[in-house]
């Protein structure tokens, strides 16, 4: 009781006294330190085996520290390739290096977590520094930079070789740019397209296979410019049918759009003019019949999106039915028309 009153008396004096020795304990940090000392002393007095408990606790902590330190030392031992070339090493500060079998540097990582990765030939292609990830092309020119922002989430920026911004993503939205800095397209829920002057596209736009105007001269022969893409835009959004052609002039695809989304059919053709794929969409979601054909014109696949009762079928290239699935019941046939077990289950 005497000890308890003594400490309370000392604490009270420290709060009101102007003497330096007491003022040391009159601050918030001083009170915390003094309280810890007081609590420790009280436990010492009131707990008979406190000394033994303290020694046991410190011994266990020491063993844990010793184990962790020695495990870290073991992990930091260098490793080698069969030819004797060092493969991985870690210095006493935690800086790590990895090498290719020919001795060239492959990877470095410092104790702060900053790292660099190299292709053979000591070509830096990836770097992580201060929370930012950098990707480089084979010439060492920056291609992409990305990081995480508390406000904007995942942020990525792509670059032209000139160093100008090519595209940017932020908050799940993407913008693509011409090299002159004007917007090409902006993706929110749909793509908004712009021309090279920064104006929203409206009307019919046609792209050609070369940039020589209507035609060019090659070996004194006139070569007309061949259209490869024809699109219709309304307020920057694709609408109507977008048509593409092969460089040789044959029809390649037809895709229907509504307000920037695929809505209607999507057709693809081979260079012989035969239809190879037919798919239907409803506001960019697969809907209705979908079919594909072999290059010889024989049906390859057929299914219906939105109705599970519609049979899903596949054919062999000779026209013989290969599989049929109705209401989750599936059957298989070989090229001669004989019913067989599921080929995948027999692998």
Protein backbone atom coordinates (compact mmCIF):
# COMPACT_ATOMS: atom_id res chain seq x y z
CA UNK A 1 0.00 0.00 0.00
CA UNK A 2 2.90 2.30 0.83
CA UNK A 3 4.51 1.61 -2.55
CA UNK A 4 1.25 2.24 -4.37
CA UNK A 5 0.72 5.63 -2.65
CA UNK A 6 4.35 6.58 -3.27
CA UNK A 7 4.03 6.09 -7.02
CA UNK A 8 0.75 7.96 -7.18
CA UNK A 9 2.29 10.83 -5.24
CA UNK A 10 5.29 10.95 -7.60
CA UNK A 11 2.99 10.92 -10.65
CA UNK A 12 0.89 13.77 -9.23
CA UNK A 13 3.98 15.87 -8.61
CA UNK A 14 5.23 15.25 -12.16
CA UNK A 15 2.01 16.69 -13.56
CA UNK A 16 2.12 19.97 -11.61
CA UNK A 17 5.79 20.59 -10.94
CA UNK A 18 8.00 22.93 -12.98
CA UNK A 19 11.20 21.16 -11.95
CA UNK A 20 13.01 19.60 -14.93
CA UNK A 21 13.33 16.12 -13.44
CA UNK A 22 9.55 15.97 -13.04
CA UNK A 23 8.70 17.81 -16.28
CA UNK A 24 10.26 14.88 -18.16
CA UNK A 25 7.16 12.89 -17.20
CA UNK A 26 4.55 15.62 -17.69
CA UNK A 27 4.31 15.16 -21.47
CA UNK A 28 2.09 12.53 -23.15
CA UNK A 29 5.07 10.37 -24.14
CA UNK A 30 6.51 10.77 -20.65
CA UNK A 31 3.24 9.63 -19.07
CA UNK A 32 3.19 6.53 -21.31
CA UNK A 33 6.77 5.61 -20.36
CA UNK A 34 6.10 6.27 -16.65
CA UNK A 35 2.90 4.17 -16.77
CA UNK A 36 4.75 1.22 -18.32
CA UNK A 37 7.46 1.43 -15.65
CA UNK A 38 4.82 1.60 -12.92
CA UNK A 39 2.85 -1.39 -14.30
CA UNK A 40 6.02 -3.47 -14.69
CA UNK A 41 7.05 -2.69 -11.11
CA UNK A 42 3.60 -3.61 -9.75
CA UNK A 43 3.62 -6.94 -11.65
CA UNK A 44 7.14 -7.61 -10.30
CA UNK A 45 5.97 -7.04 -6.75
CA UNK A 46 2.66 -8.90 -6.98
CA UNK A 47 3.83 -11.90 -9.08
CA UNK A 48 6.19 -14.22 -7.17
CA UNK A 49 7.56 -16.04 -10.27
CA UNK A 50 7.65 -12.95 -12.50
CA UNK A 51 11.43 -13.21 -12.90
CA UNK A 52 11.21 -16.80 -14.14
CA UNK A 53 8.39 -15.93 -16.56
CA UNK A 54 10.39 -13.02 -17.95
CA UNK A 55 13.48 -15.17 -18.48
CA UNK A 56 11.41 -17.89 -20.21
CA UNK A 57 9.74 -15.32 -22.51
CA UNK A 58 13.07 -13.71 -23.47
CA UNK A 59 14.65 -17.14 -24.11
CA UNK A 60 11.86 -18.15 -26.46
CA UNK A 61 12.07 -14.84 -28.32
CA UNK A 62 15.82 -15.31 -28.69
CA UNK A 63 15.34 -18.81 -30.13
CA UNK A 64 12.80 -17.52 -32.65
CA UNK A 65 15.09 -14.68 -33.71
CA UNK A 66 18.05 -17.08 -34.02
CA UNK A 67 15.97 -19.50 -36.14
CA UNK A 68 14.72 -16.75 -38.49
CA UNK A 69 18.20 -15.24 -38.90
CA UNK A 70 19.80 -18.60 -39.68
CA UNK A 71 17.02 -19.53 -42.12
CA UNK A 72 17.56 -16.22 -43.90
CA UNK A 73 21.31 -16.91 -44.03
CA UNK A 74 20.63 -20.32 -45.57
CA UNK A 75 18.36 -18.76 -48.21
CA UNK A 76 21.03 -16.20 -49.00
CA UNK A 77 23.64 -18.79 -49.95
CA UNK A 78 24.55 -18.53 -53.67
CA UNK A 79 23.37 -21.24 -56.08
CA UNK A 80 25.19 -22.43 -59.21
CA UNK A 81 24.57 -23.95 -62.64
CA UNK A 82 26.12 -27.37 -63.44
CA UNK A 83 28.91 -25.57 -65.35
CA UNK A 84 29.91 -23.71 -62.16
CA UNK A 85 28.45 -20.38 -63.24
CA UNK A 86 26.66 -18.59 -60.42
CA UNK A 87 22.86 -18.70 -60.78
CA UNK A 88 21.61 -16.63 -57.83
CA UNK A 89 23.20 -14.59 -55.06
CA UNK A 90 22.02 -12.34 -52.23
CA UNK A 91 24.30 -9.94 -50.39
CA UNK A 92 24.18 -9.11 -46.68
CA UNK A 93 21.87 -6.16 -47.33
CA UNK A 94 19.22 -8.34 -49.05
CA UNK A 95 19.98 -7.24 -52.61
CA UNK A 96 19.38 -10.15 -55.01
CA UNK A 97 20.85 -11.00 -58.44
CA UNK A 98 20.12 -13.82 -60.87
CA UNK A 99 22.14 -14.79 -63.95
CA UNK A 100 21.76 -16.73 -67.18
CA UNK A 101 23.95 -19.81 -67.62
CA UNK A 102 26.39 -17.80 -69.76
CA UNK A 103 26.93 -15.32 -66.92
CA UNK A 104 24.77 -12.49 -68.25
CA UNK A 105 22.58 -10.67 -65.76
CA UNK A 106 18.96 -11.91 -65.74
CA UNK A 107 17.28 -10.28 -62.73
CA UNK A 108 18.05 -7.84 -59.91
CA UNK A 109 16.04 -6.88 -56.86
CA UNK A 110 17.06 -4.55 -54.05
CA UNK A 111 15.91 -4.62 -50.43
CA UNK A 112 13.24 -1.99 -51.20
CA UNK A 113 11.57 -4.30 -53.74
CA UNK A 114 12.72 -2.44 -56.86
CA UNK A 115 13.60 -4.91 -59.62
CA UNK A 116 14.86 -5.24 -63.22
CA UNK A 117 14.50 -8.14 -65.67
CA UNK A 118 16.77 -8.69 -68.68
CA UNK A 119 16.57 -10.67 -71.90
CA UNK A 120 19.69 -12.53 -73.12
CA UNK A 121 22.14 -9.93 -74.34
CA UNK A 122 21.60 -7.73 -71.26
CA UNK A 123 18.47 -6.15 -72.79
CA UNK A 124 16.29 -4.54 -70.13
CA UNK A 125 12.64 -5.39 -70.86
CA UNK A 126 10.88 -5.00 -67.51
CA UNK A 127 11.45 -2.80 -64.47
CA UNK A 128 9.64 -2.16 -61.20
CA UNK A 129 10.62 0.99 -59.34
CA UNK A 130 8.88 2.90 -56.54
CA UNK A 131 5.56 1.16 -57.19
CA UNK A 132 5.62 1.72 -60.97
CA UNK A 133 6.06 -1.08 -63.55
CA UNK A 134 7.85 -0.32 -66.85
CA UNK A 135 7.93 -2.48 -70.02
CA UNK A 136 10.47 -1.88 -72.80
CA UNK A 137 10.81 -3.13 -76.38
CA UNK A 138 13.90 -4.95 -77.68
CA UNK A 139 15.58 -1.61 -78.43
CA UNK A 140 15.14 -0.44 -74.85
CA UNK A 141 12.40 2.07 -75.70
CA UNK A 142 9.58 2.42 -73.17
CA UNK A 143 6.39 0.65 -74.36
CA UNK A 144 4.17 0.67 -71.30
CA UNK A 145 4.03 2.08 -67.79
CA UNK A 146 1.52 0.97 -65.14
CA UNK A 147 0.83 1.52 -61.45
CA UNK A 148 -1.99 1.43 -58.89
CA UNK A 149 -3.57 4.67 -57.79
CA UNK A 150 -5.84 5.00 -54.73
CA UNK A 151 -8.27 7.22 -56.63
CA UNK A 152 -8.09 5.88 -60.19
CA UNK A 153 -7.34 2.20 -59.47
CA UNK A 154 -5.16 0.43 -62.04
CA UNK A 155 -3.55 2.96 -64.43
CA UNK A 156 -1.63 2.03 -67.60
CA UNK A 157 -0.06 4.14 -70.34
CA UNK A 158 1.27 2.87 -73.68
CA UNK A 159 3.77 4.82 -75.80
CA UNK A 160 4.82 5.24 -79.42
CA UNK A 161 8.55 4.84 -80.15
CA UNK A 162 8.71 8.64 -80.29
CA UNK A 163 7.75 8.69 -76.60
CA UNK A 164 4.29 10.15 -77.19
CA UNK A 165 1.27 8.56 -75.54
CA UNK A 166 -0.39 5.83 -77.65
CA UNK A 167 -3.11 4.73 -75.23
CA UNK A 168 -4.15 5.23 -71.62
CA UNK A 169 -6.39 3.22 -69.29
CA UNK A 170 -7.80 4.53 -66.02
CA UNK A 171 -10.83 3.51 -63.95
CA UNK A 172 -11.56 0.77 -66.48
CA UNK A 173 -11.78 3.34 -69.31
CA UNK A 174 -9.38 3.47 -72.25
CA UNK A 175 -8.35 6.21 -74.66
CA UNK A 176 -6.28 5.67 -77.82
CA UNK A 177 -4.35 8.50 -79.46
CA UNK A 178 -2.82 9.37 -82.80
CA UNK A 179 0.88 10.16 -82.60
CA UNK A 180 0.02 13.85 -82.98
CA UNK A 181 -1.88 13.66 -79.68
CA UNK A 182 -5.41 13.67 -81.09
CA UNK A 183 -7.88 11.04 -79.86
CA UNK A 184 -8.42 7.93 -82.01
CA UNK A 185 -11.06 6.34 -79.79
CA UNK A 186 -12.36 6.48 -76.26
CA UNK A 187 -13.77 3.39 -74.59
CA UNK A 188 -16.32 3.81 -71.88
CA UNK A 189 -18.97 1.15 -72.32
CA UNK A 190 -18.57 1.55 -76.09
CA UNK A 191 -15.82 2.88 -78.37
CA UNK A 192 -16.15 6.52 -79.42
CA UNK A 193 -14.16 7.17 -82.61
CA UNK A 194 -12.43 10.40 -83.62
CA UNK A 195 -10.69 11.49 -86.81
CA UNK A 196 -7.12 12.80 -86.94
CA UNK A 197 -8.35 16.37 -86.34
CA UNK A 198 -9.89 15.38 -83.01
CA UNK A 199 -13.47 15.58 -84.26
CA UNK A 200 -16.04 12.88 -83.51
CA UNK A 201 -16.57 10.70 -86.58
CA UNK A 202 -19.86 10.99 -88.48
CA UNK A 203 -20.81 9.41 -91.80
CA UNK A 204 -19.00 6.84 -93.95
CA UNK A 205 -15.25 6.26 -93.49
CA UNK A 206 -13.20 4.06 -95.82
CA UNK A 207 -9.66 2.78 -95.24
CA UNK A 208 -7.47 1.67 -98.16
CA UNK A 209 -4.65 -0.85 -98.57
CA UNK A 210 -2.12 1.89 -99.43
CA UNK A 211 -1.81 5.62 -98.94
CA UNK A 212 -1.08 6.76 -102.52
CA UNK A 213 -4.46 8.27 -103.22
CA UNK A 214 -6.72 6.58 -105.73
CA UNK A 215 -3.93 4.61 -107.45
CA UNK A 216 -0.15 4.28 -107.70
CA UNK A 217 2.35 3.27 -110.40
CA UNK A 218 4.46 0.13 -109.81
CA UNK A 219 6.77 -0.90 -112.68
CA UNK A 220 4.80 1.41 -114.98
CA UNK A 221 1.58 -0.44 -114.13
CA UNK A 222 -1.34 1.35 -112.55
CA UNK A 223 -2.36 -0.15 -109.19
CA UNK A 224 -5.65 1.10 -107.85
CA UNK A 225 -6.09 1.71 -104.15
CA UNK A 226 -8.15 -1.20 -102.72
CA UNK A 227 -10.60 -0.50 -99.84
CA UNK A 228 -10.03 -2.77 -96.83
CA UNK A 229 -12.54 -1.32 -94.32
CA UNK A 230 -15.77 0.62 -94.72
CA UNK A 231 -17.54 1.85 -91.58
CA UNK A 232 -20.50 4.04 -90.76
CA UNK A 233 -20.39 6.31 -87.70
CA UNK A 234 -22.99 8.36 -85.89
CA UNK A 235 -21.68 10.69 -83.17
CA UNK A 236 -18.50 8.62 -83.00
CA UNK A 237 -20.34 5.29 -82.61
CA UNK A 238 -20.33 2.47 -85.14
CA UNK A 239 -23.75 1.86 -86.68
CA UNK A 240 -25.07 -0.09 -89.64
CA UNK A 241 -22.86 -2.66 -91.36
CA UNK A 242 -19.07 -2.51 -91.19
CA UNK A 243 -17.45 -4.26 -94.17
CA UNK A 244 -13.85 -5.43 -94.53
CA UNK A 245 -11.96 -6.84 -97.52
CA UNK A 246 -8.76 -8.82 -97.99
CA UNK A 247 -5.80 -6.93 -99.52
CA UNK A 248 -6.53 -8.79 -102.76
CA UNK A 249 -10.06 -7.35 -102.90
CA UNK A 250 -12.21 -10.29 -101.77
CA UNK A 251 -14.90 -9.76 -99.12
CA UNK A 252 -13.60 -10.71 -95.64
CA UNK A 253 -16.33 -9.81 -93.12
CA UNK A 254 -19.65 -8.04 -92.50
CA UNK A 255 -20.60 -6.93 -88.97
CA UNK A 256 -23.75 -5.10 -87.95
CA UNK A 257 -23.63 -2.43 -85.23
CA UNK A 258 -26.10 -0.36 -83.24
CA UNK A 259 -24.96 2.51 -80.99
CA UNK A 260 -21.40 1.18 -81.01
CA UNK A 261 -22.36 -2.39 -80.07
CA UNK A 262 -22.57 -5.50 -82.25
CA UNK A 263 -26.28 -5.98 -82.92
CA UNK A 264 -27.38 -8.31 -85.68
CA UNK A 265 -25.25 -10.71 -87.73
CA UNK A 266 -21.50 -11.10 -87.97
CA UNK A 267 -20.21 -12.93 -91.07
CA UNK A 268 -16.69 -14.01 -92.07
CA UNK A 269 -15.62 -15.31 -95.49
CA UNK A 270 -12.53 -17.05 -96.85
CA UNK A 271 -10.68 -15.72 -99.90
CA UNK A 272 -12.63 -18.08 -102.13
CA UNK A 273 -15.80 -16.21 -101.19
CA UNK A 274 -17.27 -18.99 -99.06
CA UNK A 275 -18.95 -18.17 -95.75
CA UNK A 276 -16.92 -19.60 -92.81
CA UNK A 277 -18.67 -18.10 -89.75
CA UNK A 278 -22.11 -16.72 -88.98
CA UNK A 279 -22.85 -15.36 -85.51
CA UNK A 280 -25.71 -13.26 -84.18
CA UNK A 281 -25.53 -10.64 -81.44
CA UNK A 282 -28.00 -8.64 -79.39
CA UNK A 283 -26.38 -5.53 -77.91
CA UNK A 284 -22.94 -7.22 -77.99
CA UNK A 285 -24.19 -10.46 -76.39
CA UNK A 286 -24.34 -13.74 -78.32
CA UNK A 287 -27.95 -14.43 -79.24
CA UNK A 288 -29.66 -16.81 -81.62
CA UNK A 289 -28.13 -19.09 -84.24
CA UNK A 290 -24.37 -19.48 -84.66
CA UNK A 291 -22.80 -21.55 -87.47
CA UNK A 292 -19.37 -22.27 -88.94
CA UNK A 293 -18.23 -24.07 -92.12
CA UNK A 294 -15.13 -25.90 -93.32
CA UNK A 295 -13.14 -24.31 -96.15
CA UNK A 296 -14.84 -26.72 -98.58
CA UNK A 297 -18.28 -25.34 -97.64
CA UNK A 298 -19.37 -28.27 -95.45
CA UNK A 299 -21.09 -27.34 -92.17
CA UNK A 300 -18.72 -27.67 -89.19
CA UNK A 301 -20.67 -26.41 -86.17
CA UNK A 302 -24.14 -25.18 -85.22
CA UNK A 303 -25.67 -24.00 -81.95
CA UNK A 304 -28.31 -21.62 -80.64
CA UNK A 305 -27.59 -19.11 -77.88
CA UNK A 306 -30.50 -18.43 -75.55
CA UNK A 307 -32.32 -21.76 -75.98
CA UNK A 308 -30.80 -24.91 -74.44
CA UNK A 309 -33.45 -27.11 -76.05
CA UNK A 310 -32.05 -26.32 -79.50
CA UNK A 311 -29.60 -29.08 -80.56
CA UNK A 312 -25.89 -28.26 -80.68
CA UNK A 313 -24.15 -30.16 -83.50
CA UNK A 314 -20.69 -30.72 -84.98
CA UNK A 315 -19.78 -32.42 -88.26
CA UNK A 316 -16.78 -34.22 -89.76
CA UNK A 317 -15.25 -32.58 -92.83
CA UNK A 318 -16.83 -35.25 -95.03
CA UNK A 319 -20.29 -34.09 -93.91
CA UNK A 320 -20.95 -36.93 -91.45
CA UNK A 321 -22.40 -35.82 -88.10
CA UNK A 322 -19.74 -35.93 -85.37
CA UNK A 323 -21.70 -34.94 -82.25
CA UNK A 324 -25.15 -33.86 -81.14
CA UNK A 325 -26.16 -32.41 -77.77
CA UNK A 326 -29.79 -31.95 -76.72
CA UNK A 327 -30.76 -31.09 -73.12
CA UNK A 328 -27.27 -32.07 -71.85
CA UNK A 329 -27.48 -35.51 -73.53
CA UNK A 330 -24.60 -35.89 -76.00
CA UNK A 331 -23.91 -38.52 -78.68
CA UNK A 332 -20.90 -39.07 -80.96
CA UNK A 333 -20.27 -40.71 -84.36
CA UNK A 334 -17.13 -41.53 -86.37
CA UNK A 335 -16.57 -40.49 -90.00
CA UNK A 336 -18.40 -43.61 -91.21
CA UNK A 337 -21.53 -42.87 -89.20
CA UNK A 338 -20.99 -45.44 -86.44
CA UNK A 339 -21.98 -44.29 -82.96
CA UNK A 340 -19.01 -44.12 -80.58
CA UNK A 341 -18.28 -43.20 -76.97
CA UNK A 342 -17.18 -39.72 -75.98
CA UNK A 343 -13.63 -39.44 -77.45
CA UNK A 344 -12.52 -37.11 -74.67
CA UNK A 345 -13.37 -39.68 -71.95
CA UNK A 346 -11.18 -42.22 -73.76
CA UNK A 347 -8.06 -40.04 -73.73
